[in-house]
Amino acid sequence: MPHYYFNLTDGVTRRDRNGLDCADDTSAIIKAISIAKEVAAGGHAISHPDLHISVVLDGREVKRVPVIRPP
């Protein structure tokens, strides 16, 4: 099973040191959406307009999932 990392990025990257096993890219992206919602709910989205979760597999970025600020 592929091992993905979910880095938090807002101009400065906070690397995910543990990562998670996911069945495929789609599963990893779904997990990243969940992480982004958790970050937004925690109020961290206010810190930077370009805050996103970077999904990484084998050193390459698979997808960027934006952290949407709550209204």
PDB file of N, CA and C in Angstrom:
ATOM      1  N   MET A   1       0.857  -1.171   0.000  1.00  0.00           N
ATOM      2  CA  MET A   1       0.000   0.000   0.000  1.00  0.00           C
ATOM      3  C   MET A   1       0.903   1.234   0.000  1.00  0.00           C
ATOM      4  N   PRO A   2       0.631   2.209  -0.865  1.00  0.00           N
ATOM      5  CA  PRO A   2       1.469   3.415  -0.929  1.00  0.00           C
ATOM      6  C   PRO A   2       1.419   4.226   0.368  1.00  0.00           C
ATOM      7  N   HIS A   3       2.532   4.862   0.681  1.00  0.00           N
ATOM      8  CA  HIS A   3       2.646   5.674   1.893  1.00  0.00           C
ATOM      9  C   HIS A   3       2.700   7.150   1.487  1.00  0.00           C
ATOM     10  N   TYR A   4       1.708   7.916   1.901  1.00  0.00           N
ATOM     11  CA  TYR A   4       1.571   9.321   1.539  1.00  0.00           C
ATOM     12  C   TYR A   4       1.916  10.214   2.726  1.00  0.00           C
ATOM     13  N   TYR A   5       2.357  11.429   2.395  1.00  0.00           N
ATOM     14  CA  TYR A   5       2.617  12.448   3.405  1.00  0.00           C
ATOM     15  C   TYR A   5       1.694  13.631   3.126  1.00  0.00           C
ATOM     16  N   PHE A   6       1.277  14.306   4.201  1.00  0.00           N
ATOM     17  CA  PHE A   6       0.319  15.402   4.110  1.00  0.00           C
ATOM     18  C   PHE A   6       0.964  16.639   4.741  1.00  0.00           C
ATOM     19  N   ASN A   7       1.683  17.387   3.918  1.00  0.00           N
ATOM     20  CA  ASN A   7       2.409  18.561   4.408  1.00  0.00           C
ATOM     21  C   ASN A   7       1.498  19.777   4.467  1.00  0.00           C
ATOM     22  N   LEU A   8       1.648  20.564   5.522  1.00  0.00           N
ATOM     23  CA  LEU A   8       0.907  21.807   5.678  1.00  0.00           C
ATOM     24  C   LEU A   8       1.798  22.929   5.160  1.00  0.00           C
ATOM     25  N   THR A   9       1.293  23.688   4.203  1.00  0.00           N
ATOM     26  CA  THR A   9       2.105  24.708   3.561  1.00  0.00           C
ATOM     27  C   THR A   9       1.370  26.040   3.515  1.00  0.00           C
ATOM     28  N   ASP A  10       2.087  27.103   3.884  1.00  0.00           N
ATOM     29  CA  ASP A  10       1.555  28.468   3.789  1.00  0.00           C
ATOM     30  C   ASP A  10       2.674  29.422   3.405  1.00  0.00           C
ATOM     31  N   GLY A  11       3.523  28.967   2.511  1.00  0.00           N
ATOM     32  CA  GLY A  11       4.744  29.701   2.190  1.00  0.00           C
ATOM     33  C   GLY A  11       5.925  29.052   2.893  1.00  0.00           C
ATOM     34  N   VAL A  12       5.678  28.495   4.059  1.00  0.00           N
ATOM     35  CA  VAL A  12       6.638  27.685   4.805  1.00  0.00           C
ATOM     36  C   VAL A  12       6.000  26.310   4.958  1.00  0.00           C
ATOM     37  N   THR A  13       6.744  25.272   4.623  1.00  0.00           N
ATOM     38  CA  THR A  13       6.194  23.925   4.680  1.00  0.00           C
ATOM     39  C   THR A  13       6.482  23.269   6.016  1.00  0.00           C
ATOM     40  N   ARG A  14       5.425  22.733   6.615  1.00  0.00           N
ATOM     41  CA  ARG A  14       5.552  21.912   7.821  1.00  0.00           C
ATOM     42  C   ARG A  14       5.365  20.480   7.369  1.00  0.00           C
ATOM     43  N   ARG A  15       6.452  19.758   7.357  1.00  0.00           N
ATOM     44  CA  ARG A  15       6.439  18.400   6.816  1.00  0.00           C
ATOM     45  C   ARG A  15       5.785  17.402   7.762  1.00  0.00           C
ATOM     46  N   ASP A  16       4.984  16.552   7.170  1.00  0.00           N
ATOM     47  CA  ASP A  16       4.371  15.429   7.872  1.00  0.00           C
ATOM     48  C   ASP A  16       5.464  14.369   8.027  1.00  0.00           C
ATOM     49  N   ARG A  17       5.857  14.088   9.229  1.00  0.00           N
ATOM     50  CA  ARG A  17       6.949  13.143   9.464  1.00  0.00           C
ATOM     51  C   ARG A  17       6.496  11.686   9.482  1.00  0.00           C
ATOM     52  N   ASN A  18       5.201  11.459   9.687  1.00  0.00           N
ATOM     53  CA  ASN A  18       4.708  10.083   9.813  1.00  0.00           C
ATOM     54  C   ASN A  18       4.029   9.565   8.557  1.00  0.00           C
ATOM     55  N   GLY A  19       3.171  10.370   7.977  1.00  0.00           N
ATOM     56  CA  GLY A  19       2.431   9.949   6.801  1.00  0.00           C
ATOM     57  C   GLY A  19       1.416   8.870   7.118  1.00  0.00           C
ATOM     58  N   LEU A  20       0.719   8.428   6.091  1.00  0.00           N
ATOM     59  CA  LEU A  20      -0.312   7.398   6.220  1.00  0.00           C
ATOM     60  C   LEU A  20      -0.309   6.513   4.989  1.00  0.00           C
ATOM     61  N   ASP A  21      -0.644   5.251   5.187  1.00  0.00           N
ATOM     62  CA  ASP A  21      -0.855   4.359   4.058  1.00  0.00           C
ATOM     63  C   ASP A  21      -2.261   4.601   3.515  1.00  0.00           C
ATOM     64  N   CYS A  22      -2.366   4.758   2.214  1.00  0.00           N
ATOM     65  CA  CYS A  22      -3.660   4.928   1.551  1.00  0.00           C
ATOM     66  C   CYS A  22      -3.686   4.002   0.338  1.00  0.00           C
ATOM     67  N   ALA A  23      -4.857   3.558  -0.010  1.00  0.00           N
ATOM     68  CA  ALA A  23      -5.005   2.604  -1.117  1.00  0.00           C
ATOM     69  C   ALA A  23      -4.526   3.175  -2.453  1.00  0.00           C
ATOM     70  N   ASP A  24      -4.788   4.476  -2.681  1.00  0.00           N
ATOM     71  CA  ASP A  24      -4.433   5.096  -3.953  1.00  0.00           C
ATOM     72  C   ASP A  24      -4.494   6.612  -3.806  1.00  0.00           C
ATOM     73  N   ASP A  25      -4.216   7.322  -4.902  1.00  0.00           N
ATOM     74  CA  ASP A  25      -4.227   8.788  -4.874  1.00  0.00           C
ATOM     75  C   ASP A  25      -5.576   9.336  -4.429  1.00  0.00           C
ATOM     76  N   THR A  26      -6.652   8.747  -4.916  1.00  0.00           N
ATOM     77  CA  THR A  26      -7.984   9.232  -4.570  1.00  0.00           C
ATOM     78  C   THR A  26      -8.229   9.138  -3.065  1.00  0.00           C
ATOM     79  N   SER A  27      -7.855   8.034  -2.472  1.00  0.00           N
ATOM     80  CA  SER A  27      -8.018   7.870  -1.017  1.00  0.00           C
ATOM     81  C   SER A  27      -7.176   8.891  -0.263  1.00  0.00           C
ATOM     82  N   ALA A  28      -5.972   9.150  -0.750  1.00  0.00           N
ATOM     83  CA  ALA A  28      -5.095  10.131  -0.105  1.00  0.00           C
ATOM     84  C   ALA A  28      -5.676  11.541  -0.218  1.00  0.00           C
ATOM     85  N   ILE A  29      -6.263  11.862  -1.349  1.00  0.00           N
ATOM     86  CA  ILE A  29      -6.862  13.180  -1.542  1.00  0.00           C
ATOM     87  C   ILE A  29      -8.072  13.344  -0.628  1.00  0.00           C
ATOM     88  N   ILE A  30      -8.861  12.302  -0.473  1.00  0.00           N
ATOM     89  CA  ILE A  30     -10.004  12.356   0.445  1.00  0.00           C
ATOM     90  C   ILE A  30      -9.515  12.604   1.868  1.00  0.00           C
ATOM     91  N   LYS A  31      -8.431  11.946   2.254  1.00  0.00           N
ATOM     92  CA  LYS A  31      -7.858  12.167   3.579  1.00  0.00           C
ATOM     93  C   LYS A  31      -7.367  13.605   3.713  1.00  0.00           C
ATOM     94  N   ALA A  32      -6.744  14.148   2.678  1.00  0.00           N
ATOM     95  CA  ALA A  32      -6.251  15.526   2.705  1.00  0.00           C
ATOM     96  C   ALA A  32      -7.403  16.519   2.866  1.00  0.00           C
ATOM     97  N   ILE A  33      -8.530  16.246   2.231  1.00  0.00           N
ATOM     98  CA  ILE A  33      -9.713  17.108   2.382  1.00  0.00           C
ATOM     99  C   ILE A  33     -10.165  17.105   3.837  1.00  0.00           C
ATOM    100  N   SER A  34     -10.157  15.938   4.452  1.00  0.00           N
ATOM    101  CA  SER A  34     -10.531  15.828   5.865  1.00  0.00           C
ATOM    102  C   SER A  34      -9.561  16.601   6.751  1.00  0.00           C
ATOM    103  N   ILE A  35      -8.277  16.479   6.473  1.00  0.00           N
ATOM    104  CA  ILE A  35      -7.258  17.214   7.244  1.00  0.00           C
ATOM    105  C   ILE A  35      -7.457  18.721   7.064  1.00  0.00           C
ATOM    106  N   ALA A  36      -7.703  19.153   5.839  1.00  0.00           N
ATOM    107  CA  ALA A  36      -7.905  20.581   5.566  1.00  0.00           C
ATOM    108  C   ALA A  36      -9.099  21.126   6.343  1.00  0.00           C
ATOM    109  N   LYS A  37     -10.170  20.345   6.431  1.00  0.00           N
ATOM    110  CA  LYS A  37     -11.353  20.764   7.200  1.00  0.00           C
ATOM    111  C   LYS A  37     -11.018  20.881   8.683  1.00  0.00           C
ATOM    112  N   GLU A  38     -10.222  19.943   9.202  1.00  0.00           N
ATOM    113  CA  GLU A  38      -9.807  19.992  10.608  1.00  0.00           C
ATOM    114  C   GLU A  38      -8.957  21.229  10.884  1.00  0.00           C
ATOM    115  N   VAL A  39      -8.042  21.526   9.986  1.00  0.00           N
ATOM    116  CA  VAL A  39      -7.186  22.706  10.149  1.00  0.00           C
ATOM    117  C   VAL A  39      -8.042  23.972  10.130  1.00  0.00           C
ATOM    118  N   ALA A  40      -8.970  24.048   9.193  1.00  0.00           N
ATOM    119  CA  ALA A  40      -9.841  25.225   9.095  1.00  0.00           C
ATOM    120  C   ALA A  40     -10.684  25.381  10.353  1.00  0.00           C
ATOM    121  N   ALA A  41     -11.204  24.284  10.860  1.00  0.00           N
ATOM    122  CA  ALA A  41     -12.037  24.329  12.061  1.00  0.00           C
ATOM    123  C   ALA A  41     -11.231  24.779  13.271  1.00  0.00           C
ATOM    124  N   GLY A  42      -9.933  24.508  13.251  1.00  0.00           N
ATOM    125  CA  GLY A  42      -9.064  24.909  14.348  1.00  0.00           C
ATOM    126  C   GLY A  42      -8.655  26.366  14.293  1.00  0.00           C
ATOM    127  N   GLY A  43      -9.066  27.077  13.243  1.00  0.00           N
ATOM    128  CA  GLY A  43      -8.773  28.499  13.132  1.00  0.00           C
ATOM    129  C   GLY A  43      -7.442  28.820  12.483  1.00  0.00           C
ATOM    130  N   HIS A  44      -6.700  27.820  12.069  1.00  0.00           N
ATOM    131  CA  HIS A  44      -5.382  28.053  11.480  1.00  0.00           C
ATOM    132  C   HIS A  44      -5.458  28.672  10.083  1.00  0.00           C
ATOM    133  N   ALA A  45      -6.603  28.534   9.427  1.00  0.00           N
ATOM    134  CA  ALA A  45      -6.746  29.027   8.056  1.00  0.00           C
ATOM    135  C   ALA A  45      -6.648  30.541   7.983  1.00  0.00           C
ATOM    136  N   ILE A  46      -6.846  31.198   9.086  1.00  0.00           N
ATOM    137  CA  ILE A  46      -6.815  32.656   9.090  1.00  0.00           C
ATOM    138  C   ILE A  46      -5.397  33.188   8.900  1.00  0.00           C
ATOM    139  N   SER A  47      -4.396  32.371   9.215  1.00  0.00           N
ATOM    140  CA  SER A  47      -3.010  32.831   9.215  1.00  0.00           C
ATOM    141  C   SER A  47      -2.459  33.170   7.829  1.00  0.00           C
ATOM    142  N   HIS A  48      -2.919  32.531   6.789  1.00  0.00           N
ATOM    143  CA  HIS A  48      -2.354  32.769   5.458  1.00  0.00           C
ATOM    144  C   HIS A  48      -3.375  32.407   4.380  1.00  0.00           C
ATOM    145  N   PRO A  49      -3.560  33.255   3.381  1.00  0.00           N
ATOM    146  CA  PRO A  49      -4.583  32.989   2.363  1.00  0.00           C
ATOM    147  C   PRO A  49      -4.251  31.803   1.457  1.00  0.00           C
ATOM    148  N   ASP A  50      -2.975  31.407   1.354  1.00  0.00           N
ATOM    149  CA  ASP A  50      -2.594  30.303   0.478  1.00  0.00           C
ATOM    150  C   ASP A  50      -2.361  29.002   1.222  1.00  0.00           C
ATOM    151  N   LEU A  51      -2.890  28.882   2.424  1.00  0.00           N
ATOM    152  CA  LEU A  51      -2.699  27.686   3.227  1.00  0.00           C
ATOM    153  C   LEU A  51      -3.297  26.480   2.512  1.00  0.00           C
ATOM    154  N   HIS A  52      -2.516  25.403   2.423  1.00  0.00           N
ATOM    155  CA  HIS A  52      -3.015  24.194   1.785  1.00  0.00           C
ATOM    156  C   HIS A  52      -2.310  22.956   2.339  1.00  0.00           C
ATOM    157  N   ILE A  53      -2.908  21.822   2.062  1.00  0.00           N
ATOM    158  CA  ILE A  53      -2.319  20.526   2.374  1.00  0.00           C
ATOM    159  C   ILE A  53      -1.745  19.995   1.071  1.00  0.00           C
ATOM    160  N   SER A  54      -0.469  19.665   1.103  1.00  0.00           N
ATOM    161  CA  SER A  54       0.200  19.100  -0.055  1.00  0.00           C
ATOM    162  C   SER A  54       0.292  17.587   0.135  1.00  0.00           C
ATOM    163  N   VAL A  55      -0.323  16.839  -0.769  1.00  0.00           N
ATOM    164  CA  VAL A  55      -0.296  15.379  -0.716  1.00  0.00           C
ATOM    165  C   VAL A  55       0.936  14.911  -1.495  1.00  0.00           C
ATOM    166  N   VAL A  56       1.818  14.185  -0.818  1.00  0.00           N
ATOM    167  CA  VAL A  56       3.097  13.803  -1.420  1.00  0.00           C
ATOM    168  C   VAL A  56       3.262  12.283  -1.402  1.00  0.00           C
ATOM    169  N   LEU A  57       3.690  11.739  -2.536  1.00  0.00           N
ATOM    170  CA  LEU A  57       3.995  10.315  -2.670  1.00  0.00           C
ATOM    171  C   LEU A  57       5.321  10.185  -3.394  1.00  0.00           C
ATOM    172  N   ASP A  58       6.245   9.491  -2.787  1.00  0.00           N
ATOM    173  CA  ASP A  58       7.562   9.259  -3.391  1.00  0.00           C
ATOM    174  C   ASP A  58       8.242  10.555  -3.828  1.00  0.00           C
ATOM    175  N   GLY A  59       8.117  11.591  -3.010  1.00  0.00           N
ATOM    176  CA  GLY A  59       8.793  12.848  -3.284  1.00  0.00           C
ATOM    177  C   GLY A  59       8.117  13.746  -4.306  1.00  0.00           C
ATOM    178  N   ARG A  60       6.977  13.336  -4.836  1.00  0.00           N
ATOM    179  CA  ARG A  60       6.278  14.193  -5.807  1.00  0.00           C
ATOM    180  C   ARG A  60       4.921  14.592  -5.250  1.00  0.00           C
ATOM    181  N   GLU A  61       4.537  15.817  -5.550  1.00  0.00           N
ATOM    182  CA  GLU A  61       3.242  16.308  -5.104  1.00  0.00           C
ATOM    183  C   GLU A  61       2.144  15.734  -5.992  1.00  0.00           C
ATOM    184  N   VAL A  62       1.200  15.062  -5.356  1.00  0.00           N
ATOM    185  CA  VAL A  62       0.068  14.465  -6.063  1.00  0.00           C
ATOM    186  C   VAL A  62      -1.045  15.489  -6.239  1.00  0.00           C
ATOM    187  N   LYS A  63      -1.281  16.282  -5.183  1.00  0.00           N
ATOM    188  CA  LYS A  63      -2.395  17.228  -5.193  1.00  0.00           C
ATOM    189  C   LYS A  63      -2.199  18.266  -4.103  1.00  0.00           C
ATOM    190  N   ARG A  64      -2.721  19.464  -4.333  1.00  0.00           N
ATOM    191  CA  ARG A  64      -2.807  20.505  -3.312  1.00  0.00           C
ATOM    192  C   ARG A  64      -4.273  20.683  -2.961  1.00  0.00           C
ATOM    193  N   VAL A  65      -4.543  20.615  -1.667  1.00  0.00           N
ATOM    194  CA  VAL A  65      -5.918  20.795  -1.190  1.00  0.00           C
ATOM    195  C   VAL A  65      -5.951  22.064  -0.372  1.00  0.00           C
ATOM    196  N   PRO A  66      -6.667  23.083  -0.824  1.00  0.00           N
ATOM    197  CA  PRO A  66      -6.705  24.338  -0.090  1.00  0.00           C
ATOM    198  C   PRO A  66      -7.431  24.198   1.250  1.00  0.00           C
ATOM    199  N   VAL A  67      -6.968  24.962   2.216  1.00  0.00           N
ATOM    200  CA  VAL A  67      -7.671  25.058   3.490  1.00  0.00           C
ATOM    201  C   VAL A  67      -8.562  26.284   3.368  1.00  0.00           C
ATOM    202  N   ILE A  68      -9.855  26.043   3.328  1.00  0.00           N
ATOM    203  CA  ILE A  68     -10.835  27.112   3.111  1.00  0.00           C
ATOM    204  C   ILE A  68     -11.186  27.761   4.448  1.00  0.00           C
ATOM    205  N   ARG A  69     -11.094  29.067   4.465  1.00  0.00           N
ATOM    206  CA  ARG A  69     -11.461  29.804   5.672  1.00  0.00           C
ATOM    207  C   ARG A  69     -12.953  29.699   5.923  1.00  0.00           C
ATOM    208  N   PRO A  70     -13.332  29.497   7.176  1.00  0.00           N
ATOM    209  CA  PRO A  70     -14.764  29.487   7.467  1.00  0.00           C
ATOM    210  C   PRO A  70     -15.360  30.868   7.259  1.00  0.00           C
ATOM    211  N   PRO A  71     -16.628  30.948   6.874  1.00  0.00           N
ATOM    212  CA  PRO A  71     -17.261  32.249   6.631  1.00  0.00           C
ATOM    213  C   PRO A  71     -17.409  33.075   7.902  1.00  0.00           C
TER     214      PRO A  71
END
